[in-house]
Amino acid sequence: MAHRSAATVLLALGVSLAGSMLAASRQVALHQLQDELTMAQSAYAESVGTVSSLSTPGVVATQARGLHLVDPTSITQIPAVSLQRPLPLPAFTSPVAATPRTAR
């Protein structure tokens, strides 16, 4: 009987040890996944910062100057209109010549 109880105790210890090892290996895998997630979030935040810095007013103004775009000489406020009917085409007070950007 003592032999049988010793075998049961050893079997219980073995099952407990195996369960502990399985839990530890899962914890290691979880930690590695958390590290990967942190790295991916860091890379994402860095790329968001890089992309958002491209749309700052200074960068936009520099790119606009490179395309030969200039500040407007005047700004006309467009009155509010109903969206229920289509607007007519704009009428220009002086003739407008269309010049391609490459020729400017």
N, C-alpha and C. Protein backbone atom coordinates (compact mmCIF):
# COMPACT_ATOMS: atom_id res chain seq x y z
N MET A 1 0.81 -1.18 0.00
CA MET A 1 0.00 0.00 0.00
C MET A 1 0.87 1.26 0.00
N ALA A 2 1.99 1.21 0.76
CA ALA A 2 2.89 2.36 0.81
C ALA A 2 3.53 2.58 -0.54
N HIS A 3 3.77 1.47 -1.23
CA HIS A 3 4.36 1.57 -2.55
C HIS A 3 3.39 2.28 -3.52
N ARG A 4 2.14 1.95 -3.36
CA ARG A 4 1.11 2.53 -4.22
C ARG A 4 0.92 4.02 -3.93
N SER A 5 0.92 4.40 -2.66
CA SER A 5 0.74 5.81 -2.30
C SER A 5 1.97 6.63 -2.73
N ALA A 6 3.16 6.04 -2.67
CA ALA A 6 4.37 6.74 -3.13
C ALA A 6 4.29 6.98 -4.63
N ALA A 7 3.77 5.98 -5.36
CA ALA A 7 3.62 6.15 -6.81
C ALA A 7 2.60 7.23 -7.12
N THR A 8 1.54 7.30 -6.36
CA THR A 8 0.50 8.33 -6.55
C THR A 8 1.07 9.72 -6.28
N VAL A 9 1.86 9.82 -5.22
CA VAL A 9 2.49 11.11 -4.89
C VAL A 9 3.45 11.52 -5.99
N LEU A 10 4.26 10.58 -6.49
CA LEU A 10 5.20 10.89 -7.58
C LEU A 10 4.45 11.28 -8.85
N LEU A 11 3.35 10.58 -9.14
CA LEU A 11 2.55 10.93 -10.31
C LEU A 11 1.94 12.31 -10.16
N ALA A 12 1.46 12.63 -8.97
CA ALA A 12 0.89 13.96 -8.72
C ALA A 12 1.96 15.03 -8.86
N LEU A 13 3.16 14.77 -8.35
CA LEU A 13 4.26 15.72 -8.49
C LEU A 13 4.63 15.92 -9.97
N GLY A 14 4.66 14.82 -10.71
CA GLY A 14 4.98 14.90 -12.14
C GLY A 14 3.94 15.71 -12.91
N VAL A 15 2.66 15.46 -12.63
CA VAL A 15 1.59 16.23 -13.29
C VAL A 15 1.67 17.70 -12.90
N SER A 16 1.93 17.95 -11.63
CA SER A 16 2.05 19.33 -11.16
C SER A 16 3.23 20.03 -11.83
N LEU A 17 4.37 19.32 -11.91
CA LEU A 17 5.55 19.88 -12.56
C LEU A 17 5.30 20.15 -14.04
N ALA A 18 4.64 19.21 -14.71
CA ALA A 18 4.33 19.40 -16.13
C ALA A 18 3.40 20.59 -16.32
N GLY A 19 2.40 20.71 -15.45
CA GLY A 19 1.48 21.85 -15.52
C GLY A 19 2.21 23.16 -15.29
N SER A 20 3.11 23.16 -14.33
CA SER A 20 3.91 24.37 -14.06
C SER A 20 4.76 24.75 -15.25
N MET A 21 5.39 23.76 -15.87
CA MET A 21 6.25 24.03 -17.04
C MET A 21 5.41 24.56 -18.20
N LEU A 22 4.23 24.01 -18.40
CA LEU A 22 3.35 24.47 -19.46
C LEU A 22 2.91 25.91 -19.21
N ALA A 23 2.54 26.22 -17.97
CA ALA A 23 2.15 27.58 -17.62
C ALA A 23 3.31 28.55 -17.82
N ALA A 24 4.51 28.13 -17.44
CA ALA A 24 5.68 29.00 -17.60
C ALA A 24 5.98 29.24 -19.08
N SER A 25 5.87 28.20 -19.90
CA SER A 25 6.15 28.39 -21.33
C SER A 25 5.09 29.30 -21.96
N ARG A 26 3.86 29.21 -21.50
CA ARG A 26 2.82 30.11 -22.02
C ARG A 26 3.08 31.55 -21.58
N GLN A 27 3.56 31.72 -20.37
CA GLN A 27 3.90 33.06 -19.89
C GLN A 27 5.03 33.67 -20.72
N VAL A 28 6.01 32.86 -21.06
CA VAL A 28 7.13 33.33 -21.90
C VAL A 28 6.61 33.73 -23.27
N ALA A 29 5.74 32.89 -23.85
CA ALA A 29 5.16 33.20 -25.16
C ALA A 29 4.34 34.48 -25.09
N LEU A 30 3.57 34.66 -24.03
CA LEU A 30 2.76 35.86 -23.85
C LEU A 30 3.65 37.09 -23.73
N HIS A 31 4.74 36.95 -22.99
CA HIS A 31 5.67 38.07 -22.83
C HIS A 31 6.29 38.45 -24.18
N GLN A 32 6.64 37.45 -24.99
CA GLN A 32 7.20 37.73 -26.31
C GLN A 32 6.17 38.44 -27.20
N LEU A 33 4.92 38.01 -27.13
CA LEU A 33 3.87 38.67 -27.91
C LEU A 33 3.66 40.11 -27.45
N GLN A 34 3.73 40.34 -26.15
CA GLN A 34 3.59 41.70 -25.64
C GLN A 34 4.75 42.58 -26.12
N ASP A 35 5.95 42.02 -26.15
CA ASP A 35 7.10 42.77 -26.67
C ASP A 35 6.90 43.12 -28.14
N GLU A 36 6.41 42.15 -28.93
CA GLU A 36 6.14 42.41 -30.35
C GLU A 36 5.09 43.50 -30.51
N LEU A 37 4.04 43.45 -29.69
CA LEU A 37 2.99 44.46 -29.75
C LEU A 37 3.54 45.83 -29.41
N THR A 38 4.36 45.90 -28.39
CA THR A 38 4.96 47.18 -28.00
C THR A 38 5.83 47.73 -29.12
N MET A 39 6.61 46.88 -29.75
CA MET A 39 7.47 47.32 -30.87
C MET A 39 6.61 47.80 -32.04
N ALA A 40 5.54 47.08 -32.36
CA ALA A 40 4.66 47.47 -33.46
C ALA A 40 3.97 48.80 -33.16
N GLN A 41 3.53 48.99 -31.91
CA GLN A 41 2.90 50.25 -31.53
C GLN A 41 3.88 51.40 -31.59
N SER A 42 5.12 51.14 -31.20
CA SER A 42 6.15 52.17 -31.27
C SER A 42 6.44 52.56 -32.71
N ALA A 43 6.55 51.56 -33.59
CA ALA A 43 6.80 51.84 -35.01
C ALA A 43 5.63 52.60 -35.61
N TYR A 44 4.41 52.22 -35.23
CA TYR A 44 3.21 52.92 -35.73
C TYR A 44 3.21 54.38 -35.28
N ALA A 45 3.49 54.61 -34.00
CA ALA A 45 3.52 55.98 -33.49
C ALA A 45 4.58 56.80 -34.19
N GLU A 46 5.72 56.19 -34.46
CA GLU A 46 6.79 56.91 -35.16
C GLU A 46 6.37 57.26 -36.59
N SER A 47 5.72 56.33 -37.28
CA SER A 47 5.30 56.63 -38.65
C SER A 47 4.16 57.64 -38.66
N VAL A 48 3.28 57.63 -37.66
CA VAL A 48 2.23 58.66 -37.59
C VAL A 48 2.88 60.02 -37.39
N GLY A 49 3.88 60.09 -36.54
CA GLY A 49 4.58 61.36 -36.33
C GLY A 49 5.27 61.84 -37.60
N THR A 50 5.88 60.92 -38.34
CA THR A 50 6.55 61.29 -39.58
C THR A 50 5.56 61.81 -40.61
N VAL A 51 4.45 61.09 -40.77
CA VAL A 51 3.46 61.49 -41.76
C VAL A 51 2.78 62.79 -41.37
N SER A 52 2.47 62.95 -40.08
CA SER A 52 1.80 64.18 -39.67
C SER A 52 2.73 65.39 -39.77
N SER A 53 4.03 65.16 -39.65
CA SER A 53 4.95 66.29 -39.80
C SER A 53 5.02 66.76 -41.25
N LEU A 54 4.61 65.92 -42.19
CA LEU A 54 4.61 66.32 -43.60
C LEU A 54 3.46 67.27 -43.92
N SER A 55 2.46 67.37 -43.04
CA SER A 55 1.32 68.23 -43.32
C SER A 55 1.33 69.50 -42.49
N THR A 56 2.46 69.83 -41.90
CA THR A 56 2.53 71.08 -41.14
C THR A 56 2.47 72.26 -42.10
N PRO A 57 1.99 73.40 -41.63
CA PRO A 57 1.85 74.56 -42.53
C PRO A 57 3.16 74.95 -43.23
N GLY A 58 4.27 74.85 -42.53
CA GLY A 58 5.54 75.23 -43.15
C GLY A 58 5.90 74.32 -44.31
N VAL A 59 5.70 73.02 -44.13
CA VAL A 59 6.01 72.06 -45.20
C VAL A 59 5.07 72.26 -46.38
N VAL A 60 3.77 72.48 -46.08
CA VAL A 60 2.80 72.70 -47.15
C VAL A 60 3.15 73.97 -47.93
N ALA A 61 3.52 75.03 -47.23
CA ALA A 61 3.88 76.28 -47.89
C ALA A 61 5.12 76.10 -48.77
N THR A 62 6.10 75.37 -48.28
CA THR A 62 7.31 75.12 -49.06
C THR A 62 6.99 74.32 -50.32
N GLN A 63 6.16 73.30 -50.19
CA GLN A 63 5.78 72.52 -51.37
C GLN A 63 4.95 73.35 -52.34
N ALA A 64 4.09 74.23 -51.81
CA ALA A 64 3.29 75.09 -52.69
C ALA A 64 4.20 76.04 -53.47
N ARG A 65 5.21 76.59 -52.82
CA ARG A 65 6.16 77.47 -53.54
C ARG A 65 6.90 76.69 -54.62
N GLY A 66 7.20 75.44 -54.33
CA GLY A 66 7.87 74.60 -55.33
C GLY A 66 6.99 74.35 -56.54
N LEU A 67 5.68 74.42 -56.36
CA LEU A 67 4.74 74.25 -57.48
C LEU A 67 4.35 75.59 -58.10
N HIS A 68 5.05 76.64 -57.69
CA HIS A 68 4.81 78.00 -58.19
C HIS A 68 3.43 78.51 -57.79
N LEU A 69 2.93 78.06 -56.67
CA LEU A 69 1.68 78.58 -56.13
C LEU A 69 2.02 79.75 -55.22
N VAL A 70 1.23 80.79 -55.26
CA VAL A 70 1.52 81.99 -54.47
C VAL A 70 0.33 82.30 -53.57
N ASP A 71 0.56 83.20 -52.61
CA ASP A 71 -0.53 83.64 -51.74
C ASP A 71 -1.55 84.41 -52.56
N PRO A 72 -2.84 84.28 -52.25
CA PRO A 72 -3.85 85.01 -53.02
C PRO A 72 -3.75 86.51 -52.77
N THR A 73 -4.06 87.30 -53.80
CA THR A 73 -4.05 88.76 -53.64
C THR A 73 -5.34 89.24 -53.01
N SER A 74 -6.42 88.50 -53.18
CA SER A 74 -7.68 88.86 -52.53
C SER A 74 -8.47 87.58 -52.25
N ILE A 75 -9.35 87.69 -51.28
CA ILE A 75 -10.20 86.56 -50.92
C ILE A 75 -11.64 87.02 -51.01
N THR A 76 -12.46 86.30 -51.74
CA THR A 76 -13.86 86.65 -51.89
C THR A 76 -14.70 85.68 -51.07
N GLN A 77 -15.52 86.24 -50.20
CA GLN A 77 -16.40 85.42 -49.38
C GLN A 77 -17.58 84.97 -50.23
N ILE A 78 -17.83 83.69 -50.28
CA ILE A 78 -18.95 83.15 -51.05
C ILE A 78 -20.16 83.12 -50.14
N PRO A 79 -21.28 83.73 -50.58
CA PRO A 79 -22.46 83.74 -49.72
C PRO A 79 -23.05 82.33 -49.60
N ALA A 80 -23.77 82.11 -48.54
CA ALA A 80 -24.42 80.82 -48.33
C ALA A 80 -25.53 80.64 -49.34
N VAL A 81 -25.64 79.48 -49.91
CA VAL A 81 -26.69 79.18 -50.89
C VAL A 81 -27.37 77.88 -50.50
N SER A 82 -28.56 77.71 -51.01
CA SER A 82 -29.29 76.48 -50.75
C SER A 82 -28.64 75.34 -51.54
N LEU A 83 -28.55 74.20 -50.94
CA LEU A 83 -27.98 73.04 -51.62
C LEU A 83 -29.04 72.27 -52.38
N GLN A 84 -30.27 72.78 -52.38
CA GLN A 84 -31.37 72.10 -53.06
C GLN A 84 -31.33 72.30 -54.57
N ARG A 85 -30.70 73.37 -55.03
CA ARG A 85 -30.61 73.62 -56.48
C ARG A 85 -29.14 73.72 -56.87
N PRO A 86 -28.80 73.28 -58.08
CA PRO A 86 -27.39 73.37 -58.51
C PRO A 86 -26.99 74.82 -58.77
N LEU A 87 -25.74 75.10 -58.50
CA LEU A 87 -25.22 76.45 -58.73
C LEU A 87 -24.87 76.65 -60.20
N PRO A 88 -25.03 77.88 -60.70
CA PRO A 88 -24.61 78.13 -62.08
C PRO A 88 -23.08 78.17 -62.15
N LEU A 89 -22.56 78.07 -63.36
CA LEU A 89 -21.12 78.16 -63.55
C LEU A 89 -20.64 79.55 -63.20
N PRO A 90 -19.42 79.69 -62.74
CA PRO A 90 -18.94 81.03 -62.38
C PRO A 90 -18.74 81.89 -63.62
N ALA A 91 -18.99 83.18 -63.44
CA ALA A 91 -18.77 84.14 -64.53
C ALA A 91 -17.58 85.00 -64.13
N PHE A 92 -16.57 85.06 -64.98
CA PHE A 92 -15.37 85.84 -64.71
C PHE A 92 -15.54 87.24 -65.27
N THR A 93 -15.02 88.24 -64.56
CA THR A 93 -15.13 89.63 -65.02
C THR A 93 -14.09 89.94 -66.08
N SER A 94 -13.02 89.21 -66.12
CA SER A 94 -12.01 89.41 -67.16
C SER A 94 -11.64 88.04 -67.72
N PRO A 95 -11.15 88.03 -68.95
CA PRO A 95 -10.81 86.73 -69.52
C PRO A 95 -9.70 86.04 -68.72
N VAL A 96 -9.80 84.75 -68.63
CA VAL A 96 -8.82 83.96 -67.88
C VAL A 96 -8.09 83.05 -68.85
N ALA A 97 -6.78 83.16 -68.87
CA ALA A 97 -5.98 82.30 -69.74
C ALA A 97 -5.50 81.10 -68.92
N ALA A 98 -5.71 79.94 -69.45
CA ALA A 98 -5.25 78.73 -68.78
C ALA A 98 -3.82 78.44 -69.18
N THR A 99 -2.94 78.43 -68.19
CA THR A 99 -1.55 78.11 -68.45
C THR A 99 -1.18 76.85 -67.69
N PRO A 100 -0.55 75.94 -68.36
CA PRO A 100 -0.15 74.73 -67.63
C PRO A 100 0.90 75.05 -66.57
N ARG A 101 0.93 74.26 -65.52
CA ARG A 101 1.89 74.49 -64.43
C ARG A 101 3.33 74.40 -64.91
N THR A 102 3.57 73.55 -65.86
CA THR A 102 4.94 73.38 -66.31
C THR A 102 5.45 74.60 -67.05
N ALA A 103 4.55 75.44 -67.55
CA ALA A 103 4.97 76.63 -68.29
C ALA A 103 5.12 77.84 -67.38
N ARG A 104 4.78 77.73 -66.13
CA ARG A 104 4.85 78.88 -65.21
C ARG A 104 6.24 79.10 -64.70
